[in-house]
Amino acid sequence: MDSSENCSTYLSNLTNLVVTALNGSTVAISIGLSPPIGGGFEIRRRDLEFMPGEDPGLVSRAILPNITLSRETANDRYYVRMYDGSTPPNYSEFSTALFINLPVGS
């Protein structure tokens, strides 16, 4: 097996992601891209372990480009990558990070 067989195919980084609404209980985002066939957008609380399956860092796996997330702390952090329908899935090379500093419930 040559080294090219070990390489992932990276999807687009989410450079057009914007926050469309923010309050003490939710944050709404618009990804700015349609998901790839069979894929979507994975949101995590830390910038690692992007993969299918459940774990404590997973916030959501969404298939729509407009997403509303529940806030948990005054300093919420979300990391977002696109994934496709491959097995195993390919992801964006880099995460788009959202750092929020707003009291919960305000």
PDB file of N, CA and C in Angstrom:
ATOM      1  N   MET A   1       0.847  -1.173   0.000  1.00  0.00           N
ATOM      2  CA  MET A   1       0.000   0.000   0.000  1.00  0.00           C
ATOM      3  C   MET A   1       0.895   1.238   0.000  1.00  0.00           C
ATOM      4  N   ASP A   2       0.663   2.164  -0.923  1.00  0.00           N
ATOM      5  CA  ASP A   2       1.471   3.375  -0.943  1.00  0.00           C
ATOM      6  C   ASP A   2       0.881   4.420  -0.003  1.00  0.00           C
ATOM      7  N   SER A   3       1.655   5.487   0.255  1.00  0.00           N
ATOM      8  CA  SER A   3       1.239   6.480   1.244  1.00  0.00           C
ATOM      9  C   SER A   3      -0.035   7.215   0.849  1.00  0.00           C
ATOM     10  N   SER A   4      -0.362   7.289  -0.441  1.00  0.00           N
ATOM     11  CA  SER A   4      -1.577   7.989  -0.851  1.00  0.00           C
ATOM     12  C   SER A   4      -2.831   7.254  -0.413  1.00  0.00           C
ATOM     13  N   GLU A   5      -2.731   5.966  -0.151  1.00  0.00           N
ATOM     14  CA  GLU A   5      -3.893   5.209   0.301  1.00  0.00           C
ATOM     15  C   GLU A   5      -4.237   5.496   1.753  1.00  0.00           C
ATOM     16  N   ASN A   6      -3.311   6.070   2.516  1.00  0.00           N
ATOM     17  CA  ASN A   6      -3.552   6.385   3.917  1.00  0.00           C
ATOM     18  C   ASN A   6      -4.104   7.794   4.110  1.00  0.00           C
ATOM     19  N   CYS A   7      -4.122   8.591   3.079  1.00  0.00           N
ATOM     20  CA  CYS A   7      -4.533   9.987   3.192  1.00  0.00           C
ATOM     21  C   CYS A   7      -6.048  10.120   3.182  1.00  0.00           C
ATOM     22  N   SER A   8      -6.526  11.004   4.027  1.00  0.00           N
ATOM     23  CA  SER A   8      -7.940  11.350   3.998  1.00  0.00           C
ATOM     24  C   SER A   8      -8.174  12.365   2.894  1.00  0.00           C
ATOM     25  N   THR A   9      -9.382  12.408   2.416  1.00  0.00           N
ATOM     26  CA  THR A   9      -9.795  13.467   1.514  1.00  0.00           C
ATOM     27  C   THR A   9     -10.470  14.524   2.369  1.00  0.00           C
ATOM     28  N   TYR A  10      -9.876  15.704   2.426  1.00  0.00           N
ATOM     29  CA  TYR A  10     -10.433  16.751   3.272  1.00  0.00           C
ATOM     30  C   TYR A  10     -11.564  17.467   2.563  1.00  0.00           C
ATOM     31  N   LEU A  11     -12.601  17.761   3.322  1.00  0.00           N
ATOM     32  CA  LEU A  11     -13.717  18.557   2.826  1.00  0.00           C
ATOM     33  C   LEU A  11     -13.424  20.034   3.077  1.00  0.00           C
ATOM     34  N   SER A  12     -14.262  20.886   2.539  1.00  0.00           N
ATOM     35  CA  SER A  12     -14.083  22.331   2.711  1.00  0.00           C
ATOM     36  C   SER A  12     -14.143  22.715   4.186  1.00  0.00           C
ATOM     37  N   ASN A  13     -13.279  23.658   4.555  1.00  0.00           N
ATOM     38  CA  ASN A  13     -13.382  24.247   5.883  1.00  0.00           C
ATOM     39  C   ASN A  13     -14.573  25.202   5.875  1.00  0.00           C
ATOM     40  N   LEU A  14     -15.156  25.429   7.020  1.00  0.00           N
ATOM     41  CA  LEU A  14     -16.408  26.188   7.115  1.00  0.00           C
ATOM     42  C   LEU A  14     -16.130  27.672   7.335  1.00  0.00           C
ATOM     43  N   THR A  15     -15.541  28.318   6.332  1.00  0.00           N
ATOM     44  CA  THR A  15     -15.133  29.716   6.454  1.00  0.00           C
ATOM     45  C   THR A  15     -16.299  30.702   6.372  1.00  0.00           C
ATOM     46  N   ASN A  16     -17.478  30.251   5.968  1.00  0.00           N
ATOM     47  CA  ASN A  16     -18.641  31.141   5.861  1.00  0.00           C
ATOM     48  C   ASN A  16     -19.597  31.019   7.039  1.00  0.00           C
ATOM     49  N   LEU A  17     -19.238  30.238   8.063  1.00  0.00           N
ATOM     50  CA  LEU A  17     -20.113  30.057   9.218  1.00  0.00           C
ATOM     51  C   LEU A  17     -20.282  31.384   9.955  1.00  0.00           C
ATOM     52  N   VAL A  18     -21.534  31.718  10.290  1.00  0.00           N
ATOM     53  CA  VAL A  18     -21.826  32.940  11.041  1.00  0.00           C
ATOM     54  C   VAL A  18     -22.828  32.644  12.154  1.00  0.00           C
ATOM     55  N   VAL A  19     -22.727  33.396  13.219  1.00  0.00           N
ATOM     56  CA  VAL A  19     -23.720  33.355  14.292  1.00  0.00           C
ATOM     57  C   VAL A  19     -24.861  34.262  13.860  1.00  0.00           C
ATOM     58  N   THR A  20     -26.073  33.710  13.822  1.00  0.00           N
ATOM     59  CA  THR A  20     -27.234  34.491  13.389  1.00  0.00           C
ATOM     60  C   THR A  20     -28.086  34.981  14.558  1.00  0.00           C
ATOM     61  N   ALA A  21     -27.954  34.358  15.718  1.00  0.00           N
ATOM     62  CA  ALA A  21     -28.678  34.795  16.925  1.00  0.00           C
ATOM     63  C   ALA A  21     -27.965  34.239  18.144  1.00  0.00           C
ATOM     64  N   LEU A  22     -27.966  35.018  19.204  1.00  0.00           N
ATOM     65  CA  LEU A  22     -27.301  34.602  20.431  1.00  0.00           C
ATOM     66  C   LEU A  22     -28.047  35.192  21.610  1.00  0.00           C
ATOM     67  N   ASN A  23     -28.349  34.338  22.597  1.00  0.00           N
ATOM     68  CA  ASN A  23     -28.923  34.815  23.848  1.00  0.00           C
ATOM     69  C   ASN A  23     -28.438  33.912  24.965  1.00  0.00           C
ATOM     70  N   GLY A  24     -28.962  34.067  26.144  1.00  0.00           N
ATOM     71  CA  GLY A  24     -28.501  33.310  27.299  1.00  0.00           C
ATOM     72  C   GLY A  24     -28.839  31.835  27.281  1.00  0.00           C
ATOM     73  N   SER A  25     -29.689  31.401  26.366  1.00  0.00           N
ATOM     74  CA  SER A  25     -30.056  29.979  26.347  1.00  0.00           C
ATOM     75  C   SER A  25     -29.704  29.259  25.044  1.00  0.00           C
ATOM     76  N   THR A  26     -29.544  29.995  23.939  1.00  0.00           N
ATOM     77  CA  THR A  26     -29.233  29.337  22.666  1.00  0.00           C
ATOM     78  C   THR A  26     -28.279  30.180  21.827  1.00  0.00           C
ATOM     79  N   VAL A  27     -27.655  29.520  20.873  1.00  0.00           N
ATOM     80  CA  VAL A  27     -26.882  30.190  19.828  1.00  0.00           C
ATOM     81  C   VAL A  27     -27.324  29.564  18.508  1.00  0.00           C
ATOM     82  N   ALA A  28     -27.659  30.397  17.545  1.00  0.00           N
ATOM     83  CA  ALA A  28     -28.055  29.921  16.218  1.00  0.00           C
ATOM     84  C   ALA A  28     -26.920  30.238  15.249  1.00  0.00           C
ATOM     85  N   ILE A  29     -26.597  29.263  14.397  1.00  0.00           N
ATOM     86  CA  ILE A  29     -25.530  29.450  13.418  1.00  0.00           C
ATOM     87  C   ILE A  29     -26.026  29.082  12.027  1.00  0.00           C
ATOM     88  N   SER A  30     -25.424  29.714  11.050  1.00  0.00           N
ATOM     89  CA  SER A  30     -25.645  29.364   9.653  1.00  0.00           C
ATOM     90  C   SER A  30     -24.300  28.936   9.093  1.00  0.00           C
ATOM     91  N   ILE A  31     -24.236  27.718   8.577  1.00  0.00           N
ATOM     92  CA  ILE A  31     -22.977  27.163   8.079  1.00  0.00           C
ATOM     93  C   ILE A  31     -22.539  27.851   6.793  1.00  0.00           C
ATOM     94  N   GLY A  32     -23.476  28.225   5.938  1.00  0.00           N
ATOM     95  CA  GLY A  32     -23.122  28.877   4.683  1.00  0.00           C
ATOM     96  C   GLY A  32     -22.813  27.912   3.552  1.00  0.00           C
ATOM     97  N   LEU A  33     -22.991  26.624   3.784  1.00  0.00           N
ATOM     98  CA  LEU A  33     -22.791  25.578   2.769  1.00  0.00           C
ATOM     99  C   LEU A  33     -23.867  24.512   2.937  1.00  0.00           C
ATOM    100  N   SER A  34     -24.184  23.835   1.857  1.00  0.00           N
ATOM    101  CA  SER A  34     -25.052  22.656   1.953  1.00  0.00           C
ATOM    102  C   SER A  34     -24.191  21.468   2.345  1.00  0.00           C
ATOM    103  N   PRO A  35     -24.743  20.518   3.096  1.00  0.00           N
ATOM    104  CA  PRO A  35     -23.955  19.345   3.477  1.00  0.00           C
ATOM    105  C   PRO A  35     -23.684  18.452   2.265  1.00  0.00           C
ATOM    106  N   PRO A  36     -22.586  17.710   2.291  1.00  0.00           N
ATOM    107  CA  PRO A  36     -22.342  16.752   1.218  1.00  0.00           C
ATOM    108  C   PRO A  36     -23.353  15.605   1.282  1.00  0.00           C
ATOM    109  N   ILE A  37     -23.543  14.908   0.193  1.00  0.00           N
ATOM    110  CA  ILE A  37     -24.477  13.773   0.152  1.00  0.00           C
ATOM    111  C   ILE A  37     -24.094  12.756   1.228  1.00  0.00           C
ATOM    112  N   GLY A  38     -25.072  12.401   2.045  1.00  0.00           N
ATOM    113  CA  GLY A  38     -24.855  11.422   3.101  1.00  0.00           C
ATOM    114  C   GLY A  38     -24.127  11.968   4.319  1.00  0.00           C
ATOM    115  N   GLY A  39     -23.837  13.256   4.340  1.00  0.00           N
ATOM    116  CA  GLY A  39     -23.070  13.837   5.434  1.00  0.00           C
ATOM    117  C   GLY A  39     -23.791  14.969   6.111  1.00  0.00           C
ATOM    118  N   GLY A  40     -23.027  15.795   6.802  1.00  0.00           N
ATOM    119  CA  GLY A  40     -23.598  16.914   7.522  1.00  0.00           C
ATOM    120  C   GLY A  40     -22.520  17.680   8.255  1.00  0.00           C
ATOM    121  N   PHE A  41     -22.876  18.159   9.442  1.00  0.00           N
ATOM    122  CA  PHE A  41     -22.000  19.007  10.229  1.00  0.00           C
ATOM    123  C   PHE A  41     -21.924  18.451  11.652  1.00  0.00           C
ATOM    124  N   GLU A  42     -20.715  18.278  12.132  1.00  0.00           N
ATOM    125  CA  GLU A  42     -20.515  17.739  13.472  1.00  0.00           C
ATOM    126  C   GLU A  42     -20.044  18.865  14.383  1.00  0.00           C
ATOM    127  N   ILE A  43     -20.706  19.001  15.529  1.00  0.00           N
ATOM    128  CA  ILE A  43     -20.386  20.048  16.491  1.00  0.00           C
ATOM    129  C   ILE A  43     -19.920  19.369  17.769  1.00  0.00           C
ATOM    130  N   ARG A  44     -18.760  19.803  18.264  1.00  0.00           N
ATOM    131  CA  ARG A  44     -18.175  19.224  19.474  1.00  0.00           C
ATOM    132  C   ARG A  44     -17.777  20.317  20.453  1.00  0.00           C
ATOM    133  N   ARG A  45     -17.606  19.929  21.711  1.00  0.00           N
ATOM    134  CA  ARG A  45     -17.173  20.868  22.751  1.00  0.00           C
ATOM    135  C   ARG A  45     -15.655  20.982  22.819  1.00  0.00           C
ATOM    136  N   ARG A  46     -14.939  20.090  22.163  1.00  0.00           N
ATOM    137  CA  ARG A  46     -13.475  20.187  22.115  1.00  0.00           C
ATOM    138  C   ARG A  46     -13.021  19.867  20.705  1.00  0.00           C
ATOM    139  N   ASP A  47     -11.870  20.345  20.353  1.00  0.00           N
ATOM    140  CA  ASP A  47     -11.382  20.261  18.981  1.00  0.00           C
ATOM    141  C   ASP A  47     -10.571  18.982  18.755  1.00  0.00           C
ATOM    142  N   LEU A  48     -11.221  17.861  18.982  1.00  0.00           N
ATOM    143  CA  LEU A  48     -10.572  16.580  18.725  1.00  0.00           C
ATOM    144  C   LEU A  48     -11.610  15.479  18.663  1.00  0.00           C
ATOM    145  N   GLU A  49     -11.175  14.341  18.178  1.00  0.00           N
ATOM    146  CA  GLU A  49     -12.004  13.135  18.113  1.00  0.00           C
ATOM    147  C   GLU A  49     -13.258  13.298  17.268  1.00  0.00           C
ATOM    148  N   PHE A  50     -13.138  13.986  16.139  1.00  0.00           N
ATOM    149  CA  PHE A  50     -14.262  14.054  15.211  1.00  0.00           C
ATOM    150  C   PHE A  50     -14.415  12.676  14.583  1.00  0.00           C
ATOM    151  N   MET A  51     -15.577  12.053  14.795  1.00  0.00           N
ATOM    152  CA  MET A  51     -15.839  10.703  14.310  1.00  0.00           C
ATOM    153  C   MET A  51     -17.294  10.364  14.566  1.00  0.00           C
ATOM    154  N   PRO A  52     -17.809   9.362  13.851  1.00  0.00           N
ATOM    155  CA  PRO A  52     -19.180   8.915  14.140  1.00  0.00           C
ATOM    156  C   PRO A  52     -19.252   8.310  15.545  1.00  0.00           C
ATOM    157  N   GLY A  53     -20.424   8.350  16.130  1.00  0.00           N
ATOM    158  CA  GLY A  53     -20.623   7.734  17.432  1.00  0.00           C
ATOM    159  C   GLY A  53     -20.820   8.775  18.517  1.00  0.00           C
ATOM    160  N   GLU A  54     -21.277   8.319  19.646  1.00  0.00           N
ATOM    161  CA  GLU A  54     -21.581   9.191  20.774  1.00  0.00           C
ATOM    162  C   GLU A  54     -20.419   9.242  21.744  1.00  0.00           C
ATOM    163  N   ASP A  55     -20.158  10.407  22.291  1.00  0.00           N
ATOM    164  CA  ASP A  55     -19.229  10.570  23.393  1.00  0.00           C
ATOM    165  C   ASP A  55     -19.559  11.892  24.074  1.00  0.00           C
ATOM    166  N   PRO A  56     -19.009  12.152  25.253  1.00  0.00           N
ATOM    167  CA  PRO A  56     -19.391  13.366  26.000  1.00  0.00           C
ATOM    168  C   PRO A  56     -19.090  14.679  25.278  1.00  0.00           C
ATOM    169  N   GLY A  57     -18.139  14.707  24.353  1.00  0.00           N
ATOM    170  CA  GLY A  57     -17.799  15.941  23.655  1.00  0.00           C
ATOM    171  C   GLY A  57     -18.706  16.267  22.485  1.00  0.00           C
ATOM    172  N   LEU A  58     -19.520  15.303  22.056  1.00  0.00           N
ATOM    173  CA  LEU A  58     -20.404  15.515  20.912  1.00  0.00           C
ATOM    174  C   LEU A  58     -21.613  16.348  21.319  1.00  0.00           C
ATOM    175  N   VAL A  59     -21.840  17.445  20.601  1.00  0.00           N
ATOM    176  CA  VAL A  59     -23.014  18.284  20.835  1.00  0.00           C
ATOM    177  C   VAL A  59     -24.117  17.896  19.861  1.00  0.00           C
ATOM    178  N   SER A  60     -23.773  17.780  18.568  1.00  0.00           N
ATOM    179  CA  SER A  60     -24.778  17.490  17.558  1.00  0.00           C
ATOM    180  C   SER A  60     -24.123  17.034  16.266  1.00  0.00           C
ATOM    181  N   ARG A  61     -24.852  16.224  15.523  1.00  0.00           N
ATOM    182  CA  ARG A  61     -24.533  15.904  14.129  1.00  0.00           C
ATOM    183  C   ARG A  61     -25.762  16.347  13.354  1.00  0.00           C
ATOM    184  N   ALA A  62     -25.627  17.443  12.615  1.00  0.00           N
ATOM    185  CA  ALA A  62     -26.757  18.062  11.933  1.00  0.00           C
ATOM    186  C   ALA A  62     -26.632  17.899  10.429  1.00  0.00           C
ATOM    187  N   ILE A  63     -27.777  17.778   9.755  1.00  0.00           N
ATOM    188  CA  ILE A  63     -27.769  17.664   8.298  1.00  0.00           C
ATOM    189  C   ILE A  63     -28.271  18.937   7.624  1.00  0.00           C
ATOM    190  N   LEU A  64     -28.729  19.893   8.409  1.00  0.00           N
ATOM    191  CA  LEU A  64     -29.196  21.164   7.859  1.00  0.00           C
ATOM    192  C   LEU A  64     -28.156  22.244   8.138  1.00  0.00           C
ATOM    193  N   PRO A  65     -28.012  23.224   7.238  1.00  0.00           N
ATOM    194  CA  PRO A  65     -26.983  24.248   7.427  1.00  0.00           C
ATOM    195  C   PRO A  65     -27.328  25.339   8.436  1.00  0.00           C
ATOM    196  N   ASN A  66     -28.562  25.366   8.932  1.00  0.00           N
ATOM    197  CA  ASN A  66     -28.960  26.323   9.972  1.00  0.00           C
ATOM    198  C   ASN A  66     -29.242  25.539  11.238  1.00  0.00           C
ATOM    199  N   ILE A  67     -28.484  25.833  12.292  1.00  0.00           N
ATOM    200  CA  ILE A  67     -28.491  25.014  13.496  1.00  0.00           C
ATOM    201  C   ILE A  67     -28.662  25.904  14.721  1.00  0.00           C
ATOM    202  N   THR A  68     -29.501  25.475  15.662  1.00  0.00           N
ATOM    203  CA  THR A  68     -29.629  26.154  16.948  1.00  0.00           C
ATOM    204  C   THR A  68     -29.129  25.208  18.031  1.00  0.00           C
ATOM    205  N   LEU A  69     -28.198  25.694  18.841  1.00  0.00           N
ATOM    206  CA  LEU A  69     -27.582  24.888  19.900  1.00  0.00           C
ATOM    207  C   LEU A  69     -27.975  25.442  21.260  1.00  0.00           C
ATOM    208  N   SER A  70     -28.163  24.557  22.220  1.00  0.00           N
ATOM    209  CA  SER A  70     -28.446  24.966  23.593  1.00  0.00           C
ATOM    210  C   SER A  70     -27.146  25.370  24.270  1.00  0.00           C
ATOM    211  N   ARG A  71     -27.222  26.462  25.009  1.00  0.00           N
ATOM    212  CA  ARG A  71     -26.067  26.937  25.776  1.00  0.00           C
ATOM    213  C   ARG A  71     -26.017  26.195  27.100  1.00  0.00           C
ATOM    214  N   GLU A  72     -24.796  25.947  27.617  1.00  0.00           N
ATOM    215  CA  GLU A  72     -24.634  25.268  28.897  1.00  0.00           C
ATOM    216  C   GLU A  72     -23.858  26.072  29.923  1.00  0.00           C
ATOM    217  N   THR A  73     -22.915  26.903  29.459  1.00  0.00           N
ATOM    218  CA  THR A  73     -22.097  27.691  30.380  1.00  0.00           C
ATOM    219  C   THR A  73     -21.943  29.108  29.839  1.00  0.00           C
ATOM    220  N   ALA A  74     -21.440  30.000  30.686  1.00  0.00           N
ATOM    221  CA  ALA A  74     -21.194  31.376  30.257  1.00  0.00           C
ATOM    222  C   ALA A  74     -20.056  31.456  29.246  1.00  0.00           C
ATOM    223  N   ASN A  75     -19.236  30.432  29.188  1.00  0.00           N
ATOM    224  CA  ASN A  75     -18.089  30.400  28.277  1.00  0.00           C
ATOM    225  C   ASN A  75     -18.155  29.171  27.377  1.00  0.00           C
ATOM    226  N   ASP A  76     -19.248  29.023  26.659  1.00  0.00           N
ATOM    227  CA  ASP A  76     -19.409  27.884  25.754  1.00  0.00           C
ATOM    228  C   ASP A  76     -18.383  27.937  24.630  1.00  0.00           C
ATOM    229  N   ARG A  77     -17.928  26.749  24.231  1.00  0.00           N
ATOM    230  CA  ARG A  77     -17.033  26.598  23.087  1.00  0.00           C
ATOM    231  C   ARG A  77     -17.606  25.508  22.204  1.00  0.00           C
ATOM    232  N   TYR A  78     -17.671  25.810  20.932  1.00  0.00           N
ATOM    233  CA  TYR A  78     -18.153  24.837  19.954  1.00  0.00           C
ATOM    234  C   TYR A  78     -17.138  24.760  18.817  1.00  0.00           C
ATOM    235  N   TYR A  79     -16.881  23.545  18.348  1.00  0.00           N
ATOM    236  CA  TYR A  79     -15.992  23.313  17.215  1.00  0.00           C
ATOM    237  C   TYR A  79     -16.800  22.581  16.158  1.00  0.00           C
ATOM    238  N   VAL A  80     -16.776  23.075  14.936  1.00  0.00           N
ATOM    239  CA  VAL A  80     -17.648  22.568  13.880  1.00  0.00           C
ATOM    240  C   VAL A  80     -16.812  22.127  12.680  1.00  0.00           C
ATOM    241  N   ARG A  81     -17.137  20.934  12.165  1.00  0.00           N
ATOM    242  CA  ARG A  81     -16.534  20.431  10.931  1.00  0.00           C
ATOM    243  C   ARG A  81     -17.622  19.781  10.076  1.00  0.00           C
ATOM    244  N   MET A  82     -17.413  19.803   8.785  1.00  0.00           N
ATOM    245  CA  MET A  82     -18.302  19.111   7.854  1.00  0.00           C
ATOM    246  C   MET A  82     -17.785  17.679   7.703  1.00  0.00           C
ATOM    247  N   TYR A  83     -18.708  16.724   7.491  1.00  0.00           N
ATOM    248  CA  TYR A  83     -18.334  15.336   7.213  1.00  0.00           C
ATOM    249  C   TYR A  83     -19.167  14.827   6.041  1.00  0.00           C
ATOM    250  N   ASP A  84     -18.671  13.785   5.381  1.00  0.00           N
ATOM    251  CA  ASP A  84     -19.398  13.231   4.235  1.00  0.00           C
ATOM    252  C   ASP A  84     -19.915  11.832   4.551  1.00  0.00           C
ATOM    253  N   GLY A  85     -20.484  11.175   3.551  1.00  0.00           N
ATOM    254  CA  GLY A  85     -21.095   9.862   3.738  1.00  0.00           C
ATOM    255  C   GLY A  85     -20.149   8.696   3.545  1.00  0.00           C
ATOM    256  N   SER A  86     -18.853   8.938   3.446  1.00  0.00           N
ATOM    257  CA  SER A  86     -17.879   7.854   3.282  1.00  0.00           C
ATOM    258  C   SER A  86     -17.793   7.010   4.551  1.00  0.00           C
ATOM    259  N   THR A  87     -17.223   5.819   4.421  1.00  0.00           N
ATOM    260  CA  THR A  87     -16.978   4.956   5.575  1.00  0.00           C
ATOM    261  C   THR A  87     -15.496   4.628   5.616  1.00  0.00           C
ATOM    262  N   PRO A  88     -14.751   5.141   6.595  1.00  0.00           N
ATOM    263  CA  PRO A  88     -15.139   6.143   7.580  1.00  0.00           C
ATOM    264  C   PRO A  88     -15.309   7.501   6.902  1.00  0.00           C
ATOM    265  N   PRO A  89     -16.028   8.413   7.542  1.00  0.00           N
ATOM    266  CA  PRO A  89     -16.288   9.704   6.900  1.00  0.00           C
ATOM    267  C   PRO A  89     -15.028  10.557   6.777  1.00  0.00           C
ATOM    268  N   ASN A  90     -15.010  11.369   5.730  1.00  0.00           N
ATOM    269  CA  ASN A  90     -14.005  12.411   5.589  1.00  0.00           C
ATOM    270  C   ASN A  90     -14.549  13.662   6.269  1.00  0.00           C
ATOM    271  N   TYR A  91     -13.651  14.473   6.801  1.00  0.00           N
ATOM    272  CA  TYR A  91     -14.021  15.691   7.523  1.00  0.00           C
ATOM    273  C   TYR A  91     -13.302  16.891   6.930  1.00  0.00           C
ATOM    274  N   SER A  92     -13.754  18.083   7.311  1.00  0.00           N
ATOM    275  CA  SER A  92     -12.996  19.299   7.038  1.00  0.00           C
ATOM    276  C   SER A  92     -11.634  19.145   7.708  1.00  0.00           C
ATOM    277  N   GLU A  93     -10.610  19.732   7.111  1.00  0.00           N
ATOM    278  CA  GLU A  93      -9.279  19.608   7.705  1.00  0.00           C
ATOM    279  C   GLU A  93      -9.179  20.350   9.034  1.00  0.00           C
ATOM    280  N   PHE A  94      -9.806  21.532   9.099  1.00  0.00           N
ATOM    281  CA  PHE A  94      -9.741  22.353  10.303  1.00  0.00           C
ATOM    282  C   PHE A  94     -11.142  22.648  10.817  1.00  0.00           C
ATOM    283  N   SER A  95     -11.245  22.810  12.128  1.00  0.00           N
ATOM    284  CA  SER A  95     -12.515  23.178  12.760  1.00  0.00           C
ATOM    285  C   SER A  95     -12.739  24.676  12.660  1.00  0.00           C
ATOM    286  N   THR A  96     -14.007  25.057  12.611  1.00  0.00           N
ATOM    287  CA  THR A  96     -14.397  26.440  12.837  1.00  0.00           C
ATOM    288  C   THR A  96     -14.801  26.512  14.298  1.00  0.00           C
ATOM    289  N   ALA A  97     -14.192  27.426  15.035  1.00  0.00           N
ATOM    290  CA  ALA A  97     -14.413  27.504  16.476  1.00  0.00           C
ATOM    291  C   ALA A  97     -15.303  28.693  16.829  1.00  0.00           C
ATOM    292  N   LEU A  98     -16.238  28.459  17.731  1.00  0.00           N
ATOM    293  CA  LEU A  98     -17.088  29.516  18.288  1.00  0.00           C
ATOM    294  C   LEU A  98     -16.810  29.605  19.780  1.00  0.00           C
ATOM    295  N   PHE A  99     -16.423  30.770  20.245  1.00  0.00           N
ATOM    296  CA  PHE A  99     -16.188  31.014  21.654  1.00  0.00           C
ATOM    297  C   PHE A  99     -17.187  32.063  22.122  1.00  0.00           C
ATOM    298  N   ILE A 100     -17.990  31.712  23.108  1.00  0.00           N
ATOM    299  CA  ILE A 100     -19.066  32.593  23.567  1.00  0.00           C
ATOM    300  C   ILE A 100     -18.781  32.995  24.998  1.00  0.00           C
ATOM    301  N   ASN A 101     -18.890  34.276  25.271  1.00  0.00           N
ATOM    302  CA  ASN A 101     -18.726  34.799  26.619  1.00  0.00           C
ATOM    303  C   ASN A 101     -19.960  35.623  26.938  1.00  0.00           C
ATOM    304  N   LEU A 102     -21.006  34.953  27.403  1.00  0.00           N
ATOM    305  CA  LEU A 102     -22.276  35.593  27.737  1.00  0.00           C
ATOM    306  C   LEU A 102     -22.944  34.765  28.808  1.00  0.00           C
ATOM    307  N   PRO A 103     -23.367  35.397  29.909  1.00  0.00           N
ATOM    308  CA  PRO A 103     -24.000  34.609  30.971  1.00  0.00           C
ATOM    309  C   PRO A 103     -25.184  33.787  30.458  1.00  0.00           C
ATOM    310  N   VAL A 104     -25.296  32.598  30.984  1.00  0.00           N
ATOM    311  CA  VAL A 104     -26.418  31.720  30.645  1.00  0.00           C
ATOM    312  C   VAL A 104     -27.669  32.302  31.301  1.00  0.00           C
ATOM    313  N   GLY A 105     -28.774  32.290  30.554  1.00  0.00           N
ATOM    314  CA  GLY A 105     -30.035  32.782  31.071  1.00  0.00           C
ATOM    315  C   GLY A 105     -30.225  34.284  30.939  1.00  0.00           C
ATOM    316  N   SER A 106     -29.234  34.987  30.350  1.00  0.00           N
ATOM    317  CA  SER A 106     -29.370  36.454  30.222  1.00  0.00           C
ATOM    318  C   SER A 106     -30.132  36.839  28.978  1.00  0.00           C
TER     319      SER A 106
END
